[in-house]
Amino acid sequence: MGLLDFLTGNKTDKIKDFQSKDAIILDVRTVSEYNQGAIPGSKNIPLQVLNGKIKAIKKLNKPVITCCASGMRSGSAATILKANGVDAINGGGWFSLSKKL
């Protein structure tokens, strides 16, 4: 186990835990980025419009795993969702996340 895993917990384990709770995958890249490749079954809500979609996300009543191209935007999205009472985790880059699912 690496130092980062020790300090933050194993990200793969957290992702698996969220999956066991029927989490949705929320891809916060732009529509054009998403259309170039994405995790099957994921939902695309670009980070720029996320604040306007929080009520709809909360109505789903499911935890959320966010992803983007590198993990930066998805980190921001997870922070926004958590601040609004949504159980969310940053899954990082979509391609890397797809290998963990």
PDB file of N, CA and C in Angstrom:
ATOM      1  N   MET A   1       0.848  -1.185   0.000  1.00  0.00           N
ATOM      2  CA  MET A   1       0.000   0.000   0.000  1.00  0.00           C
ATOM      3  C   MET A   1       0.885   1.236   0.000  1.00  0.00           C
ATOM      4  N   GLY A   2       0.602   2.171  -0.873  1.00  0.00           N
ATOM      5  CA  GLY A   2       1.375   3.387  -0.959  1.00  0.00           C
ATOM      6  C   GLY A   2       0.995   4.369   0.132  1.00  0.00           C
ATOM      7  N   LEU A   3       1.818   5.361   0.337  1.00  0.00           N
ATOM      8  CA  LEU A   3       1.559   6.376   1.361  1.00  0.00           C
ATOM      9  C   LEU A   3       0.243   7.098   1.104  1.00  0.00           C
ATOM     10  N   LEU A   4      -0.010   7.415  -0.160  1.00  0.00           N
ATOM     11  CA  LEU A   4      -1.253   8.117  -0.482  1.00  0.00           C
ATOM     12  C   LEU A   4      -2.468   7.254  -0.149  1.00  0.00           C
ATOM     13  N   ASP A   5      -2.420   5.963  -0.488  1.00  0.00           N
ATOM     14  CA  ASP A   5      -3.513   5.059  -0.134  1.00  0.00           C
ATOM     15  C   ASP A   5      -3.687   4.997   1.378  1.00  0.00           C
ATOM     16  N   PHE A   6      -2.570   4.978   2.105  1.00  0.00           N
ATOM     17  CA  PHE A   6      -2.629   4.923   3.560  1.00  0.00           C
ATOM     18  C   PHE A   6      -3.321   6.161   4.121  1.00  0.00           C
ATOM     19  N   LEU A   7      -3.001   7.326   3.557  1.00  0.00           N
ATOM     20  CA  LEU A   7      -3.559   8.581   4.058  1.00  0.00           C
ATOM     21  C   LEU A   7      -5.010   8.800   3.642  1.00  0.00           C
ATOM     22  N   THR A   8      -5.360   8.376   2.443  1.00  0.00           N
ATOM     23  CA  THR A   8      -6.694   8.684   1.920  1.00  0.00           C
ATOM     24  C   THR A   8      -7.588   7.462   1.807  1.00  0.00           C
ATOM     25  N   GLY A   9      -7.062   6.287   2.064  1.00  0.00           N
ATOM     26  CA  GLY A   9      -7.831   5.071   1.848  1.00  0.00           C
ATOM     27  C   GLY A   9      -7.663   4.659   0.400  1.00  0.00           C
ATOM     28  N   ASN A  10      -7.891   3.396   0.117  1.00  0.00           N
ATOM     29  CA  ASN A  10      -7.713   2.902  -1.238  1.00  0.00           C
ATOM     30  C   ASN A  10      -8.865   3.353  -2.119  1.00  0.00           C
ATOM     31  N   LYS A  11      -8.557   4.090  -3.180  1.00  0.00           N
ATOM     32  CA  LYS A  11      -9.588   4.635  -4.061  1.00  0.00           C
ATOM     33  C   LYS A  11     -10.387   3.528  -4.744  1.00  0.00           C
ATOM     34  N   THR A  12      -9.727   2.456  -5.150  1.00  0.00           N
ATOM     35  CA  THR A  12     -10.432   1.356  -5.803  1.00  0.00           C
ATOM     36  C   THR A  12     -11.450   0.741  -4.850  1.00  0.00           C
ATOM     37  N   ASP A  13     -11.084   0.592  -3.578  1.00  0.00           N
ATOM     38  CA  ASP A  13     -12.022   0.053  -2.592  1.00  0.00           C
ATOM     39  C   ASP A  13     -13.225   0.977  -2.418  1.00  0.00           C
ATOM     40  N   LYS A  14     -12.985   2.288  -2.402  1.00  0.00           N
ATOM     41  CA  LYS A  14     -14.088   3.246  -2.263  1.00  0.00           C
ATOM     42  C   LYS A  14     -15.013   3.177  -3.481  1.00  0.00           C
ATOM     43  N   ILE A  15     -14.418   3.046  -4.656  1.00  0.00           N
ATOM     44  CA  ILE A  15     -15.211   2.949  -5.879  1.00  0.00           C
ATOM     45  C   ILE A  15     -16.062   1.682  -5.852  1.00  0.00           C
ATOM     46  N   LYS A  16     -15.470   0.565  -5.450  1.00  0.00           N
ATOM     47  CA  LYS A  16     -16.215  -0.699  -5.351  1.00  0.00           C
ATOM     48  C   LYS A  16     -17.351  -0.582  -4.338  1.00  0.00           C
ATOM     49  N   ASP A  17     -17.094   0.105  -3.223  1.00  0.00           N
ATOM     50  CA  ASP A  17     -18.126   0.320  -2.211  1.00  0.00           C
ATOM     51  C   ASP A  17     -19.283   1.122  -2.800  1.00  0.00           C
ATOM     52  N   PHE A  18     -18.966   2.185  -3.544  1.00  0.00           N
ATOM     53  CA  PHE A  18     -20.004   2.992  -4.173  1.00  0.00           C
ATOM     54  C   PHE A  18     -20.773   2.162  -5.192  1.00  0.00           C
ATOM     55  N   GLN A  19     -20.062   1.337  -5.970  1.00  0.00           N
ATOM     56  CA  GLN A  19     -20.725   0.481  -6.952  1.00  0.00           C
ATOM     57  C   GLN A  19     -21.713  -0.461  -6.279  1.00  0.00           C
ATOM     58  N   SER A  20     -21.350  -0.987  -5.121  1.00  0.00           N
ATOM     59  CA  SER A  20     -22.230  -1.915  -4.414  1.00  0.00           C
ATOM     60  C   SER A  20     -23.508  -1.221  -3.942  1.00  0.00           C
ATOM     61  N   LYS A  21     -23.467   0.109  -3.885  1.00  0.00           N
ATOM     62  CA  LYS A  21     -24.639   0.903  -3.491  1.00  0.00           C
ATOM     63  C   LYS A  21     -25.393   1.430  -4.722  1.00  0.00           C
ATOM     64  N   ASP A  22     -25.110   0.833  -5.894  1.00  0.00           N
ATOM     65  CA  ASP A  22     -25.782   1.200  -7.140  1.00  0.00           C
ATOM     66  C   ASP A  22     -25.525   2.652  -7.549  1.00  0.00           C
ATOM     67  N   ALA A  23     -24.274   3.061  -7.411  1.00  0.00           N
ATOM     68  CA  ALA A  23     -23.887   4.439  -7.749  1.00  0.00           C
ATOM     69  C   ALA A  23     -24.036   4.702  -9.244  1.00  0.00           C
ATOM     70  N   ILE A  24     -24.278   5.972  -9.563  1.00  0.00           N
ATOM     71  CA  ILE A  24     -24.271   6.376 -10.966  1.00  0.00           C
ATOM     72  C   ILE A  24     -22.896   6.959 -11.284  1.00  0.00           C
ATOM     73  N   ILE A  25     -22.462   6.782 -12.524  1.00  0.00           N
ATOM     74  CA  ILE A  25     -21.207   7.372 -12.997  1.00  0.00           C
ATOM     75  C   ILE A  25     -21.582   8.677 -13.690  1.00  0.00           C
ATOM     76  N   LEU A  26     -21.046   9.765 -13.188  1.00  0.00           N
ATOM     77  CA  LEU A  26     -21.336  11.080 -13.740  1.00  0.00           C
ATOM     78  C   LEU A  26     -20.076  11.633 -14.394  1.00  0.00           C
ATOM     79  N   ASP A  27     -20.102  11.737 -15.714  1.00  0.00           N
ATOM     80  CA  ASP A  27     -18.979  12.249 -16.493  1.00  0.00           C
ATOM     81  C   ASP A  27     -19.196  13.745 -16.691  1.00  0.00           C
ATOM     82  N   VAL A  28     -18.278  14.559 -16.185  1.00  0.00           N
ATOM     83  CA  VAL A  28     -18.469  16.013 -16.214  1.00  0.00           C
ATOM     84  C   VAL A  28     -17.670  16.710 -17.318  1.00  0.00           C
ATOM     85  N   ARG A  29     -17.214  15.936 -18.304  1.00  0.00           N
ATOM     86  CA  ARG A  29     -16.542  16.545 -19.454  1.00  0.00           C
ATOM     87  C   ARG A  29     -17.576  17.224 -20.351  1.00  0.00           C
ATOM     88  N   THR A  30     -17.091  17.977 -21.332  1.00  0.00           N
ATOM     89  CA  THR A  30     -17.996  18.604 -22.289  1.00  0.00           C
ATOM     90  C   THR A  30     -18.683  17.526 -23.128  1.00  0.00           C
ATOM     91  N   VAL A  31     -19.779  17.878 -23.763  1.00  0.00           N
ATOM     92  CA  VAL A  31     -20.516  16.936 -24.602  1.00  0.00           C
ATOM     93  C   VAL A  31     -19.618  16.390 -25.704  1.00  0.00           C
ATOM     94  N   SER A  32     -18.824  17.257 -26.339  1.00  0.00           N
ATOM     95  CA  SER A  32     -17.961  16.781 -27.429  1.00  0.00           C
ATOM     96  C   SER A  32     -16.893  15.813 -26.914  1.00  0.00           C
ATOM     97  N   GLU A  33     -16.334  16.069 -25.738  1.00  0.00           N
ATOM     98  CA  GLU A  33     -15.370  15.134 -25.150  1.00  0.00           C
ATOM     99  C   GLU A  33     -16.046  13.795 -24.853  1.00  0.00           C
ATOM    100  N   TYR A  34     -17.208  13.865 -24.259  1.00  0.00           N
ATOM    101  CA  TYR A  34     -17.966  12.659 -23.892  1.00  0.00           C
ATOM    102  C   TYR A  34     -18.286  11.821 -25.127  1.00  0.00           C
ATOM    103  N   ASN A  35     -18.666  12.489 -26.212  1.00  0.00           N
ATOM    104  CA  ASN A  35     -19.023  11.781 -27.442  1.00  0.00           C
ATOM    105  C   ASN A  35     -17.838  11.078 -28.098  1.00  0.00           C
ATOM    106  N   GLN A  36     -16.629  11.448 -27.719  1.00  0.00           N
ATOM    107  CA  GLN A  36     -15.424  10.812 -28.272  1.00  0.00           C
ATOM    108  C   GLN A  36     -15.081   9.509 -27.556  1.00  0.00           C
ATOM    109  N   GLY A  37     -15.745   9.230 -26.454  1.00  0.00           N
ATOM    110  CA  GLY A  37     -15.513   8.011 -25.695  1.00  0.00           C
ATOM    111  C   GLY A  37     -15.923   8.205 -24.257  1.00  0.00           C
ATOM    112  N   ALA A  38     -16.607   7.202 -23.696  1.00  0.00           N
ATOM    113  CA  ALA A  38     -17.098   7.328 -22.330  1.00  0.00           C
ATOM    114  C   ALA A  38     -17.385   5.947 -21.754  1.00  0.00           C
ATOM    115  N   ILE A  39     -17.601   5.895 -20.466  1.00  0.00           N
ATOM    116  CA  ILE A  39     -17.963   4.654 -19.791  1.00  0.00           C
ATOM    117  C   ILE A  39     -19.417   4.326 -20.152  1.00  0.00           C
ATOM    118  N   PRO A  40     -19.664   3.127 -20.662  1.00  0.00           N
ATOM    119  CA  PRO A  40     -21.044   2.747 -21.007  1.00  0.00           C
ATOM    120  C   PRO A  40     -21.972   2.904 -19.798  1.00  0.00           C
ATOM    121  N   GLY A  41     -23.119   3.526 -20.033  1.00  0.00           N
ATOM    122  CA  GLY A  41     -24.103   3.722 -18.974  1.00  0.00           C
ATOM    123  C   GLY A  41     -23.886   4.964 -18.131  1.00  0.00           C
ATOM    124  N   SER A  42     -22.774   5.674 -18.369  1.00  0.00           N
ATOM    125  CA  SER A  42     -22.522   6.887 -17.588  1.00  0.00           C
ATOM    126  C   SER A  42     -23.445   8.006 -18.059  1.00  0.00           C
ATOM    127  N   LYS A  43     -23.640   8.990 -17.174  1.00  0.00           N
ATOM    128  CA  LYS A  43     -24.442  10.173 -17.493  1.00  0.00           C
ATOM    129  C   LYS A  43     -23.474  11.332 -17.742  1.00  0.00           C
ATOM    130  N   ASN A  44     -23.793  12.144 -18.742  1.00  0.00           N
ATOM    131  CA  ASN A  44     -22.939  13.289 -19.053  1.00  0.00           C
ATOM    132  C   ASN A  44     -23.618  14.572 -18.624  1.00  0.00           C
ATOM    133  N   ILE A  45     -23.043  15.215 -17.607  1.00  0.00           N
ATOM    134  CA  ILE A  45     -23.471  16.553 -17.191  1.00  0.00           C
ATOM    135  C   ILE A  45     -22.190  17.375 -17.073  1.00  0.00           C
ATOM    136  N   PRO A  46     -21.915  18.215 -18.057  1.00  0.00           N
ATOM    137  CA  PRO A  46     -20.690  19.016 -18.009  1.00  0.00           C
ATOM    138  C   PRO A  46     -20.599  19.837 -16.722  1.00  0.00           C
ATOM    139  N   LEU A  47     -19.383  19.967 -16.196  1.00  0.00           N
ATOM    140  CA  LEU A  47     -19.151  20.702 -14.959  1.00  0.00           C
ATOM    141  C   LEU A  47     -19.766  22.101 -15.007  1.00  0.00           C
ATOM    142  N   GLN A  48     -19.727  22.732 -16.187  1.00  0.00           N
ATOM    143  CA  GLN A  48     -20.222  24.105 -16.323  1.00  0.00           C
ATOM    144  C   GLN A  48     -21.715  24.229 -16.008  1.00  0.00           C
ATOM    145  N   VAL A  49     -22.472  23.143 -16.134  1.00  0.00           N
ATOM    146  CA  VAL A  49     -23.924  23.209 -15.886  1.00  0.00           C
ATOM    147  C   VAL A  49     -24.347  22.378 -14.674  1.00  0.00           C
ATOM    148  N   LEU A  50     -23.387  21.839 -13.952  1.00  0.00           N
ATOM    149  CA  LEU A  50     -23.681  20.948 -12.835  1.00  0.00           C
ATOM    150  C   LEU A  50     -24.561  21.586 -11.760  1.00  0.00           C
ATOM    151  N   ASN A  51     -24.270  22.837 -11.399  1.00  0.00           N
ATOM    152  CA  ASN A  51     -25.060  23.489 -10.343  1.00  0.00           C
ATOM    153  C   ASN A  51     -26.549  23.529 -10.666  1.00  0.00           C
ATOM    154  N   GLY A  52     -26.877  23.654 -11.941  1.00  0.00           N
ATOM    155  CA  GLY A  52     -28.278  23.695 -12.348  1.00  0.00           C
ATOM    156  C   GLY A  52     -28.948  22.328 -12.383  1.00  0.00           C
ATOM    157  N   LYS A  53     -28.176  21.264 -12.202  1.00  0.00           N
ATOM    158  CA  LYS A  53     -28.713  19.897 -12.271  1.00  0.00           C
ATOM    159  C   LYS A  53     -28.726  19.184 -10.918  1.00  0.00           C
ATOM    160  N   ILE A  54     -28.342  19.877  -9.871  1.00  0.00           N
ATOM    161  CA  ILE A  54     -28.209  19.224  -8.568  1.00  0.00           C
ATOM    162  C   ILE A  54     -29.535  18.664  -8.066  1.00  0.00           C
ATOM    163  N   LYS A  55     -30.639  19.401  -8.243  1.00  0.00           N
ATOM    164  CA  LYS A  55     -31.943  18.883  -7.792  1.00  0.00           C
ATOM    165  C   LYS A  55     -32.261  17.562  -8.480  1.00  0.00           C
ATOM    166  N   ALA A  56     -32.021  17.480  -9.777  1.00  0.00           N
ATOM    167  CA  ALA A  56     -32.295  16.244 -10.533  1.00  0.00           C
ATOM    168  C   ALA A  56     -31.394  15.109 -10.063  1.00  0.00           C
ATOM    169  N   ILE A  57     -30.149  15.414  -9.761  1.00  0.00           N
ATOM    170  CA  ILE A  57     -29.219  14.395  -9.283  1.00  0.00           C
ATOM    171  C   ILE A  57     -29.663  13.891  -7.912  1.00  0.00           C
ATOM    172  N   LYS A  58     -30.070  14.806  -7.038  1.00  0.00           N
ATOM    173  CA  LYS A  58     -30.524  14.411  -5.702  1.00  0.00           C
ATOM    174  C   LYS A  58     -31.770  13.528  -5.778  1.00  0.00           C
ATOM    175  N   LYS A  59     -32.646  13.783  -6.756  1.00  0.00           N
ATOM    176  CA  LYS A  59     -33.861  12.979  -6.914  1.00  0.00           C
ATOM    177  C   LYS A  59     -33.547  11.529  -7.267  1.00  0.00           C
ATOM    178  N   LEU A  60     -32.389  11.268  -7.872  1.00  0.00           N
ATOM    179  CA  LEU A  60     -31.999   9.902  -8.206  1.00  0.00           C
ATOM    180  C   LEU A  60     -31.749   9.068  -6.946  1.00  0.00           C
ATOM    181  N   ASN A  61     -31.445   9.762  -5.848  1.00  0.00           N
ATOM    182  CA  ASN A  61     -31.238   9.131  -4.550  1.00  0.00           C
ATOM    183  C   ASN A  61     -30.206   7.993  -4.606  1.00  0.00           C
ATOM    184  N   LYS A  62     -29.108   8.264  -5.313  1.00  0.00           N
ATOM    185  CA  LYS A  62     -28.030   7.286  -5.443  1.00  0.00           C
ATOM    186  C   LYS A  62     -26.700   7.990  -5.231  1.00  0.00           C
ATOM    187  N   PRO A  63     -25.702   7.247  -4.751  1.00  0.00           N
ATOM    188  CA  PRO A  63     -24.367   7.852  -4.679  1.00  0.00           C
ATOM    189  C   PRO A  63     -23.831   8.097  -6.090  1.00  0.00           C
ATOM    190  N   VAL A  64     -22.862   8.977  -6.186  1.00  0.00           N
ATOM    191  CA  VAL A  64     -22.332   9.392  -7.487  1.00  0.00           C
ATOM    192  C   VAL A  64     -20.812   9.231  -7.510  1.00  0.00           C
ATOM    193  N   ILE A  65     -20.326   8.631  -8.599  1.00  0.00           N
ATOM    194  CA  ILE A  65     -18.894   8.567  -8.877  1.00  0.00           C
ATOM    195  C   ILE A  65     -18.648   9.519 -10.044  1.00  0.00           C
ATOM    196  N   THR A  66     -17.893  10.578  -9.815  1.00  0.00           N
ATOM    197  CA  THR A  66     -17.633  11.548 -10.881  1.00  0.00           C
ATOM    198  C   THR A  66     -16.376  11.161 -11.647  1.00  0.00           C
ATOM    199  N   CYS A  67     -16.337  11.533 -12.922  1.00  0.00           N
ATOM    200  CA  CYS A  67     -15.133  11.330 -13.729  1.00  0.00           C
ATOM    201  C   CYS A  67     -15.051  12.426 -14.784  1.00  0.00           C
ATOM    202  N   CYS A  68     -13.871  12.574 -15.351  1.00  0.00           N
ATOM    203  CA  CYS A  68     -13.637  13.560 -16.415  1.00  0.00           C
ATOM    204  C   CYS A  68     -12.456  13.046 -17.235  1.00  0.00           C
ATOM    205  N   ALA A  69     -11.648  13.934 -17.776  1.00  0.00           N
ATOM    206  CA  ALA A  69     -10.494  13.497 -18.562  1.00  0.00           C
ATOM    207  C   ALA A  69      -9.317  13.110 -17.666  1.00  0.00           C
ATOM    208  N   SER A  70      -9.025  13.935 -16.656  1.00  0.00           N
ATOM    209  CA  SER A  70      -7.830  13.701 -15.834  1.00  0.00           C
ATOM    210  C   SER A  70      -8.114  13.544 -14.350  1.00  0.00           C
ATOM    211  N   GLY A  71      -9.265  13.980 -13.901  1.00  0.00           N
ATOM    212  CA  GLY A  71      -9.595  13.926 -12.482  1.00  0.00           C
ATOM    213  C   GLY A  71      -9.734  15.281 -11.829  1.00  0.00           C
ATOM    214  N   MET A  72      -9.361  16.339 -12.544  1.00  0.00           N
ATOM    215  CA  MET A  72      -9.451  17.689 -11.967  1.00  0.00           C
ATOM    216  C   MET A  72     -10.900  18.182 -11.908  1.00  0.00           C
ATOM    217  N   ARG A  73     -11.586  18.157 -13.034  1.00  0.00           N
ATOM    218  CA  ARG A  73     -12.982  18.619 -13.059  1.00  0.00           C
ATOM    219  C   ARG A  73     -13.868  17.707 -12.222  1.00  0.00           C
ATOM    220  N   SER A  74     -13.586  16.404 -12.256  1.00  0.00           N
ATOM    221  CA  SER A  74     -14.410  15.478 -11.473  1.00  0.00           C
ATOM    222  C   SER A  74     -14.200  15.704  -9.975  1.00  0.00           C
ATOM    223  N   GLY A  75     -13.010  16.137  -9.586  1.00  0.00           N
ATOM    224  CA  GLY A  75     -12.764  16.492  -8.188  1.00  0.00           C
ATOM    225  C   GLY A  75     -13.608  17.683  -7.776  1.00  0.00           C
ATOM    226  N   SER A  76     -13.668  18.684  -8.645  1.00  0.00           N
ATOM    227  CA  SER A  76     -14.505  19.856  -8.378  1.00  0.00           C
ATOM    228  C   SER A  76     -15.976  19.458  -8.307  1.00  0.00           C
ATOM    229  N   ALA A  77     -16.394  18.591  -9.229  1.00  0.00           N
ATOM    230  CA  ALA A  77     -17.787  18.145  -9.261  1.00  0.00           C
ATOM    231  C   ALA A  77     -18.149  17.389  -7.989  1.00  0.00           C
ATOM    232  N   ALA A  78     -17.270  16.499  -7.530  1.00  0.00           N
ATOM    233  CA  ALA A  78     -17.539  15.740  -6.306  1.00  0.00           C
ATOM    234  C   ALA A  78     -17.655  16.686  -5.106  1.00  0.00           C
ATOM    235  N   THR A  79     -16.802  17.702  -5.059  1.00  0.00           N
ATOM    236  CA  THR A  79     -16.856  18.683  -3.972  1.00  0.00           C
ATOM    237  C   THR A  79     -18.181  19.441  -3.995  1.00  0.00           C
ATOM    238  N   ILE A  80     -18.612  19.864  -5.176  1.00  0.00           N
ATOM    239  CA  ILE A  80     -19.890  20.578  -5.318  1.00  0.00           C
ATOM    240  C   ILE A  80     -21.050  19.684  -4.880  1.00  0.00           C
ATOM    241  N   LEU A  81     -21.043  18.440  -5.337  1.00  0.00           N
ATOM    242  CA  LEU A  81     -22.126  17.516  -4.994  1.00  0.00           C
ATOM    243  C   LEU A  81     -22.170  17.255  -3.485  1.00  0.00           C
ATOM    244  N   LYS A  82     -21.015  17.000  -2.884  1.00  0.00           N
ATOM    245  CA  LYS A  82     -20.969  16.757  -1.437  1.00  0.00           C
ATOM    246  C   LYS A  82     -21.473  17.968  -0.659  1.00  0.00           C
ATOM    247  N   ALA A  83     -21.112  19.169  -1.110  1.00  0.00           N
ATOM    248  CA  ALA A  83     -21.558  20.392  -0.438  1.00  0.00           C
ATOM    249  C   ALA A  83     -23.077  20.555  -0.525  1.00  0.00           C
ATOM    250  N   ASN A  84     -23.689  19.864  -1.479  1.00  0.00           N
ATOM    251  CA  ASN A  84     -25.139  19.933  -1.650  1.00  0.00           C
ATOM    252  C   ASN A  84     -25.842  18.669  -1.152  1.00  0.00           C
ATOM    253  N   GLY A  85     -25.156  17.881  -0.340  1.00  0.00           N
ATOM    254  CA  GLY A  85     -25.775  16.737   0.299  1.00  0.00           C
ATOM    255  C   GLY A  85     -25.835  15.455  -0.513  1.00  0.00           C
ATOM    256  N   VAL A  86     -25.057  15.386  -1.594  1.00  0.00           N
ATOM    257  CA  VAL A  86     -25.014  14.169  -2.412  1.00  0.00           C
ATOM    258  C   VAL A  86     -23.794  13.358  -1.995  1.00  0.00           C
ATOM    259  N   ASP A  87     -23.968  12.054  -1.807  1.00  0.00           N
ATOM    260  CA  ASP A  87     -22.852  11.164  -1.490  1.00  0.00           C
ATOM    261  C   ASP A  87     -22.056  10.976  -2.775  1.00  0.00           C
ATOM    262  N   ALA A  88     -20.872  11.573  -2.854  1.00  0.00           N
ATOM    263  CA  ALA A  88     -20.100  11.579  -4.102  1.00  0.00           C
ATOM    264  C   ALA A  88     -18.627  11.298  -3.834  1.00  0.00           C
ATOM    265  N   ILE A  89     -17.992  10.714  -4.831  1.00  0.00           N
ATOM    266  CA  ILE A  89     -16.558  10.441  -4.796  1.00  0.00           C
ATOM    267  C   ILE A  89     -15.976  10.772  -6.168  1.00  0.00           C
ATOM    268  N   ASN A  90     -14.741  11.266  -6.168  1.00  0.00           N
ATOM    269  CA  ASN A  90     -14.042  11.553  -7.411  1.00  0.00           C
ATOM    270  C   ASN A  90     -13.428  10.261  -7.935  1.00  0.00           C
ATOM    271  N   GLY A  91     -13.923   9.795  -9.083  1.00  0.00           N
ATOM    272  CA  GLY A  91     -13.380   8.585  -9.699  1.00  0.00           C
ATOM    273  C   GLY A  91     -12.173   8.853 -10.568  1.00  0.00           C
ATOM    274  N   GLY A  92     -11.850  10.123 -10.808  1.00  0.00           N
ATOM    275  CA  GLY A  92     -10.689  10.485 -11.615  1.00  0.00           C
ATOM    276  C   GLY A  92     -10.983  10.485 -13.097  1.00  0.00           C
ATOM    277  N   GLY A  93      -9.957  10.193 -13.879  1.00  0.00           N
ATOM    278  CA  GLY A  93     -10.103  10.139 -15.332  1.00  0.00           C
ATOM    279  C   GLY A  93     -11.008   8.995 -15.765  1.00  0.00           C
ATOM    280  N   TRP A  94     -11.837   9.229 -16.758  1.00  0.00           N
ATOM    281  CA  TRP A  94     -12.836   8.235 -17.146  1.00  0.00           C
ATOM    282  C   TRP A  94     -12.191   6.936 -17.636  1.00  0.00           C
ATOM    283  N   PHE A  95     -11.096   7.030 -18.372  1.00  0.00           N
ATOM    284  CA  PHE A  95     -10.469   5.823 -18.922  1.00  0.00           C
ATOM    285  C   PHE A  95      -9.882   4.970 -17.803  1.00  0.00           C
ATOM    286  N   SER A  96      -9.209   5.614 -16.870  1.00  0.00           N
ATOM    287  CA  SER A  96      -8.659   4.904 -15.722  1.00  0.00           C
ATOM    288  C   SER A  96      -9.778   4.311 -14.869  1.00  0.00           C
ATOM    289  N   LEU A  97     -10.840   5.080 -14.661  1.00  0.00           N
ATOM    290  CA  LEU A  97     -11.984   4.595 -13.885  1.00  0.00           C
ATOM    291  C   LEU A  97     -12.620   3.377 -14.530  1.00  0.00           C
ATOM    292  N   SER A  98     -12.718   3.389 -15.850  1.00  0.00           N
ATOM    293  CA  SER A  98     -13.365   2.267 -16.554  1.00  0.00           C
ATOM    294  C   SER A  98     -12.641   0.957 -16.285  1.00  0.00           C
ATOM    295  N   LYS A  99     -11.339   1.010 -16.040  1.00  0.00           N
ATOM    296  CA  LYS A  99     -10.564  -0.192 -15.755  1.00  0.00           C
ATOM    297  C   LYS A  99     -10.791  -0.702 -14.331  1.00  0.00           C
ATOM    298  N   LYS A 100     -11.272   0.178 -13.447  1.00  0.00           N
ATOM    299  CA  LYS A 100     -11.503  -0.195 -12.057  1.00  0.00           C
ATOM    300  C   LYS A 100     -12.918  -0.736 -11.829  1.00  0.00           C
ATOM    301  N   LEU A 101     -13.794  -0.521 -12.816  1.00  0.00           N
ATOM    302  CA  LEU A 101     -15.189  -0.936 -12.657  1.00  0.00           C
ATOM    303  C   LEU A 101     -15.383  -2.405 -12.997  1.00  0.00           C
TER     304      LEU A 101
END
